[in-house]
């Protein structure tokens, strides 16, 4: 059984949980620029919590392929006001800061974040691991190669699952050596992987349980769904729900999603399926 400690609150991940995505970026692939005011933000988070989200993931840097590489100050200008609004409006909110920069993480934690979600697993900023260890909060580390700007060209693997497992073995060891207790791994769907590689990874995701840490799956409305179906990201909810069931069958503990209500319904059906 896996539990993680968020500000002294133990969260049991033996029941799959949902993390709601709140992008405060103008250029995210699905919901970029959607939040125009504090009330929009509060309404979105309120709906996610009402629909069953355990975590809210705040991101100010669009990590989509070919995304714009913004400055640390610009990222802080996007996320800190959002964290201030949420901390004032909600009590005991489990907020994850989606960043790969130690300075952003540090400031975000001081403004109410109690988890870190790092697409680079500490490889793009050498101070990340010590920052997370200092604050003693759960650390989500994702598999990626290169940067969001270069990752599309870095899809050549000897053995995809084996290479990802070696990567996580090294990154988890680094995190543990620094004193990070709660580690969660994210296979990194869409990051330095072709569409076929994404599906091969999804089909074999449970092989990442080798590390004995919880798995977070982030496939919501991604191009592996909408390009395969020849539709737009805005039309990819049905495909997302279909693959969320596979994620759960492949032992995901957390689903990172745009649509919380539908993800919770998948979890509910999964529980019925598993109990029979």
Protein backbone atom coordinates (compact mmCIF):
# COMPACT_ATOMS: atom_id res chain seq x y z
CA UNK A 1 0.00 0.00 0.00
CA UNK A 2 1.31 3.45 -0.95
CA UNK A 3 0.55 6.57 1.04
CA UNK A 4 2.03 10.02 0.45
CA UNK A 5 2.34 12.85 2.94
CA UNK A 6 0.96 16.23 1.82
CA UNK A 7 1.48 18.81 4.58
CA UNK A 8 0.90 16.21 7.28
CA UNK A 9 -2.13 14.70 5.55
CA UNK A 10 -1.60 11.07 4.55
CA UNK A 11 -3.22 10.23 1.22
CA UNK A 12 -3.82 6.56 0.47
CA UNK A 13 -3.07 5.73 -3.16
CA UNK A 14 -4.30 2.13 -2.96
CA UNK A 15 -7.50 3.70 -4.33
CA UNK A 16 -6.74 5.46 -7.64
CA UNK A 17 -6.88 9.26 -7.38
CA UNK A 18 -7.47 12.07 -9.85
CA UNK A 19 -5.28 15.13 -10.36
CA UNK A 20 -7.04 18.02 -12.08
CA UNK A 21 -4.98 20.08 -14.54
CA UNK A 22 -5.08 23.88 -14.24
CA UNK A 23 -2.95 25.45 -16.96
CA UNK A 24 -2.17 29.13 -16.47
CA UNK A 25 -0.42 29.34 -19.81
CA UNK A 26 -1.64 31.12 -22.96
CA UNK A 27 -0.40 28.33 -25.25
CA UNK A 28 -1.22 24.93 -23.74
CA UNK A 29 -2.40 22.48 -26.38
CA UNK A 30 -5.95 22.06 -25.01
CA UNK A 31 -6.95 24.75 -22.49
CA UNK A 32 -4.38 27.49 -22.99
CA UNK A 33 -5.65 30.96 -22.13
CA UNK A 34 -9.00 29.70 -20.84
CA UNK A 35 -8.78 31.29 -17.37
CA UNK A 36 -9.43 35.02 -17.70
CA UNK A 37 -10.08 36.01 -14.08
CA UNK A 38 -9.82 34.93 -10.44
CA UNK A 39 -13.46 33.85 -10.53
CA UNK A 40 -12.79 31.64 -13.58
CA UNK A 41 -9.95 30.01 -11.64
CA UNK A 42 -12.00 29.52 -8.47
CA UNK A 43 -14.94 28.12 -10.44
CA UNK A 44 -12.74 25.63 -12.30
CA UNK A 45 -11.01 24.38 -9.14
CA UNK A 46 -14.32 24.24 -7.24
CA UNK A 47 -15.82 22.09 -10.01
CA UNK A 48 -12.78 19.79 -10.04
CA UNK A 49 -12.95 19.30 -6.26
CA UNK A 50 -16.72 18.76 -6.36
CA UNK A 51 -16.26 16.21 -9.14
CA UNK A 52 -13.78 14.28 -6.99
CA UNK A 53 -10.23 15.53 -7.62
CA UNK A 54 -7.72 14.81 -4.84
CA UNK A 55 -4.98 17.01 -6.31
CA UNK A 56 -4.87 20.21 -8.37
CA UNK A 57 -1.85 20.61 -10.68
CA UNK A 58 -0.86 24.21 -11.46
CA UNK A 59 1.42 24.82 -14.43
CA UNK A 60 2.76 28.06 -15.88
CA UNK A 61 5.15 26.63 -18.48
CA UNK A 62 3.69 24.91 -21.54
CA UNK A 63 5.71 21.73 -22.02
CA UNK A 64 4.00 20.75 -25.26
CA UNK A 65 6.36 19.94 -28.16
CA UNK A 66 7.88 23.14 -29.56
CA UNK A 67 6.44 25.15 -26.66
CA UNK A 68 7.91 28.60 -26.00
CA UNK A 69 10.79 28.59 -23.51
CA UNK A 70 9.72 31.36 -21.10
CA UNK A 71 11.87 32.92 -18.37
CA UNK A 72 11.77 31.93 -14.70
CA UNK A 73 10.30 35.36 -13.87
CA UNK A 74 7.52 34.91 -16.44
CA UNK A 75 6.69 31.48 -15.03
CA UNK A 76 6.58 32.92 -11.49
CA UNK A 77 4.37 35.80 -12.67
CA UNK A 78 1.90 33.23 -13.97
CA UNK A 79 1.76 30.78 -11.07
CA UNK A 80 2.29 32.77 -7.85
CA UNK A 81 -0.87 34.94 -8.18
CA UNK A 82 -2.87 31.77 -8.89
CA UNK A 83 -1.47 30.05 -5.79
CA UNK A 84 -2.26 33.13 -3.68
CA UNK A 85 -5.90 33.09 -4.86
CA UNK A 86 -6.28 29.35 -4.23
CA UNK A 87 -4.63 29.43 -0.81
CA UNK A 88 -7.00 32.20 0.25
CA UNK A 89 -10.11 30.55 -1.19
CA UNK A 90 -9.61 26.89 -0.20
CA UNK A 91 -8.51 25.13 2.97
CA UNK A 92 -6.29 22.04 2.87
CA UNK A 93 -5.99 22.01 -0.89
CA UNK A 94 -3.47 19.53 -2.29
CA UNK A 95 -1.68 21.65 -4.88
CA UNK A 96 1.00 20.29 -7.17
CA UNK A 97 3.34 22.78 -8.88
CA UNK A 98 4.11 21.63 -12.42
CA UNK A 99 7.62 22.98 -13.03
CA UNK A 100 11.17 21.81 -13.67
CA UNK A 101 12.79 24.87 -12.07
CA UNK A 102 13.93 24.91 -8.45
CA UNK A 103 13.24 28.63 -7.95
CA UNK A 104 9.66 28.26 -9.17
CA UNK A 105 9.13 25.21 -6.95
CA UNK A 106 10.56 26.95 -3.90
CA UNK A 107 8.38 30.06 -4.34
CA UNK A 108 5.30 27.97 -5.13
CA UNK A 109 5.74 25.85 -2.00
CA UNK A 110 5.95 29.02 0.08
CA UNK A 111 2.63 30.05 -1.47
CA UNK A 112 0.75 26.84 -0.73
CA UNK A 113 1.94 24.10 -3.10
CA UNK A 114 2.60 20.81 -1.30
CA UNK A 115 3.71 18.57 -4.19
CA UNK A 116 6.11 18.97 -7.10
CA UNK A 117 5.43 17.65 -10.60
CA UNK A 118 8.67 17.76 -12.60
CA UNK A 119 8.73 16.73 -16.28
CA UNK A 120 12.53 16.48 -16.15
CA UNK A 121 12.99 14.38 -12.96
CA UNK A 122 15.62 16.87 -11.85
CA UNK A 123 17.72 16.74 -15.03
CA UNK A 124 17.09 20.32 -16.24
CA UNK A 125 17.92 22.11 -12.97
CA UNK A 126 20.54 20.66 -10.64
CA UNK A 127 18.98 22.37 -7.59
CA UNK A 128 15.59 20.69 -7.93
CA UNK A 129 16.34 17.54 -5.95
CA UNK A 130 17.77 19.42 -2.95
CA UNK A 131 14.86 21.88 -3.06
CA UNK A 132 12.25 19.11 -2.91
CA UNK A 133 14.22 17.29 -0.21
CA UNK A 134 14.47 20.47 1.85
CA UNK A 135 10.68 20.94 1.80
CA UNK A 136 9.96 17.21 2.31
CA UNK A 137 7.03 17.02 -0.06
CA UNK A 138 5.96 14.37 -2.60
CA UNK A 139 7.90 14.45 -5.86
CA UNK A 140 6.44 13.37 -9.20
CA UNK A 141 9.25 12.61 -11.65
CA UNK A 142 8.52 12.10 -15.32
CA UNK A 143 10.48 10.30 -18.03
CA UNK A 144 11.62 12.62 -20.80
CA UNK A 145 14.64 13.12 -22.99
CA UNK A 146 16.04 16.53 -23.87
CA UNK A 147 13.74 19.52 -23.43
CA UNK A 148 10.22 20.29 -24.68
CA UNK A 149 11.92 22.08 -27.57
CA UNK A 150 14.11 19.09 -28.59
CA UNK A 151 12.27 15.98 -27.38
CA UNK A 152 10.49 15.18 -30.66
CA UNK A 153 13.84 14.21 -32.22
CA UNK A 154 14.92 11.99 -29.30
CA UNK A 155 12.76 8.91 -29.82
CA UNK A 156 15.42 6.29 -30.64
CA UNK A 157 15.48 3.60 -27.93
CA UNK A 158 17.24 0.24 -27.65
CA UNK A 159 14.32 -1.13 -25.64
CA UNK A 160 11.70 1.41 -24.62
CA UNK A 161 10.50 -0.17 -21.35
CA UNK A 162 13.98 -1.24 -20.28
CA UNK A 163 15.44 2.20 -21.05
CA UNK A 164 12.67 3.93 -19.07
CA UNK A 165 13.19 1.58 -16.13
CA UNK A 166 16.94 2.28 -16.13
CA UNK A 167 16.19 6.01 -16.19
CA UNK A 168 13.82 5.75 -13.23
CA UNK A 169 16.23 3.53 -11.29
CA UNK A 170 18.85 6.27 -11.56
CA UNK A 171 16.52 9.19 -10.82
CA UNK A 172 14.82 7.45 -7.87
CA UNK A 173 18.22 6.57 -6.39
CA UNK A 174 19.26 10.23 -6.68
CA UNK A 175 16.05 11.37 -5.00
CA UNK A 176 16.34 8.81 -2.20
CA UNK A 177 19.99 9.72 -1.57
CA UNK A 178 18.92 13.34 -1.11
CA UNK A 179 16.26 12.30 1.42
CA UNK A 180 13.07 12.51 -0.66
CA UNK A 181 10.60 10.04 0.85
CA UNK A 182 7.54 10.19 -1.42
CA UNK A 183 8.38 9.53 -5.07
CA UNK A 184 5.79 9.05 -7.83
CA UNK A 185 6.79 8.19 -11.40
CA UNK A 186 5.14 9.41 -14.60
CA UNK A 187 5.93 7.40 -17.79
CA UNK A 188 5.84 10.63 -19.81
CA UNK A 189 3.32 9.89 -22.55
CA UNK A 190 4.07 12.16 -25.50
CA UNK A 191 7.50 13.20 -24.24
CA UNK A 192 10.33 11.98 -26.50
CA UNK A 193 8.09 9.15 -27.72
CA UNK A 194 6.33 8.44 -30.99
CA UNK A 195 2.63 7.60 -31.06
CA UNK A 196 3.43 3.89 -31.47
CA UNK A 197 5.89 4.06 -28.57
CA UNK A 198 3.20 5.70 -26.40
CA UNK A 199 0.86 2.77 -27.03
CA UNK A 200 3.58 0.20 -26.44
CA UNK A 201 4.34 1.96 -23.15
CA UNK A 202 0.67 2.06 -22.14
CA UNK A 203 0.26 -1.63 -22.92
CA UNK A 204 3.26 -2.41 -20.69
CA UNK A 205 2.95 0.34 -18.06
CA UNK A 206 2.66 -2.13 -15.18
CA UNK A 207 6.28 -3.18 -15.83
CA UNK A 208 7.24 0.16 -14.23
CA UNK A 209 5.90 -1.17 -10.91
CA UNK A 210 9.33 -2.78 -10.64
CA UNK A 211 10.32 0.37 -8.69
CA UNK A 212 7.62 -0.13 -6.04
CA UNK A 213 6.44 3.49 -6.21
CA UNK A 214 3.07 4.85 -7.38
CA UNK A 215 2.55 5.56 -11.08
CA UNK A 216 0.89 8.72 -12.40
CA UNK A 217 -0.55 8.49 -15.92
CA UNK A 218 -0.99 11.68 -17.93
CA UNK A 219 -2.66 10.93 -21.25
CA UNK A 220 -5.63 13.31 -21.09
CA UNK A 221 -6.51 14.67 -24.56
CA UNK A 222 -2.95 14.12 -25.81
CA UNK A 223 -1.94 13.77 -29.46
CA UNK A 224 -1.59 9.99 -29.10
CA UNK A 225 -5.40 10.08 -28.90
CA UNK A 226 -6.51 12.91 -31.16
CA UNK A 227 -3.97 12.31 -33.96
CA UNK A 228 -4.76 8.58 -33.96
CA UNK A 229 -8.49 9.33 -34.24
CA UNK A 230 -7.95 12.27 -36.64
CA UNK A 231 -9.86 14.67 -34.42
CA UNK A 232 -9.03 17.76 -32.35
CA UNK A 233 -7.92 17.79 -28.70
CA UNK A 234 -11.29 19.33 -27.85
CA UNK A 235 -12.99 16.17 -29.21
CA UNK A 236 -10.74 13.67 -27.41
CA UNK A 237 -12.65 13.10 -24.18
CA UNK A 238 -14.14 9.76 -25.23
CA UNK A 239 -10.74 8.46 -26.34
CA UNK A 240 -9.21 9.72 -23.11
CA UNK A 241 -11.75 7.83 -21.01
CA UNK A 242 -11.14 4.64 -22.98
CA UNK A 243 -7.39 4.83 -22.35
CA UNK A 244 -7.86 5.83 -18.69
CA UNK A 245 -9.37 2.39 -18.07
CA UNK A 246 -6.22 0.83 -19.57
CA UNK A 247 -4.05 3.06 -17.35
CA UNK A 248 -5.87 1.75 -14.28
CA UNK A 249 -5.60 -1.85 -15.43
CA UNK A 250 -1.89 -1.15 -15.89
CA UNK A 251 -1.70 -0.10 -12.21
CA UNK A 252 -1.83 3.69 -12.37
CA UNK A 253 -2.41 5.21 -8.93
CA UNK A 254 -3.09 8.75 -10.18
CA UNK A 255 -4.78 9.97 -13.37
CA UNK A 256 -3.74 13.50 -14.35
CA UNK A 257 -6.72 14.87 -16.29
CA UNK A 258 -8.55 17.84 -17.74
CA UNK A 259 -11.97 16.27 -17.10
CA UNK A 260 -12.30 15.12 -13.50
CA UNK A 261 -15.91 13.94 -13.48
CA UNK A 262 -15.40 11.55 -16.38
CA UNK A 263 -12.13 10.21 -14.92
CA UNK A 264 -13.87 9.52 -11.60
CA UNK A 265 -16.56 7.59 -13.47
CA UNK A 266 -13.87 5.43 -15.08
CA UNK A 267 -12.39 4.75 -11.62
CA UNK A 268 -15.84 3.83 -10.29
CA UNK A 269 -16.37 1.33 -13.12
CA UNK A 270 -12.84 -0.01 -12.69
CA UNK A 271 -13.57 -0.73 -9.01
CA UNK A 272 -16.70 -2.70 -9.94
CA UNK A 273 -14.76 -4.62 -12.57
CA UNK A 274 -11.94 -5.45 -10.14
CA UNK A 275 -14.25 -6.53 -7.31
CA UNK A 276 -15.99 -9.19 -9.40
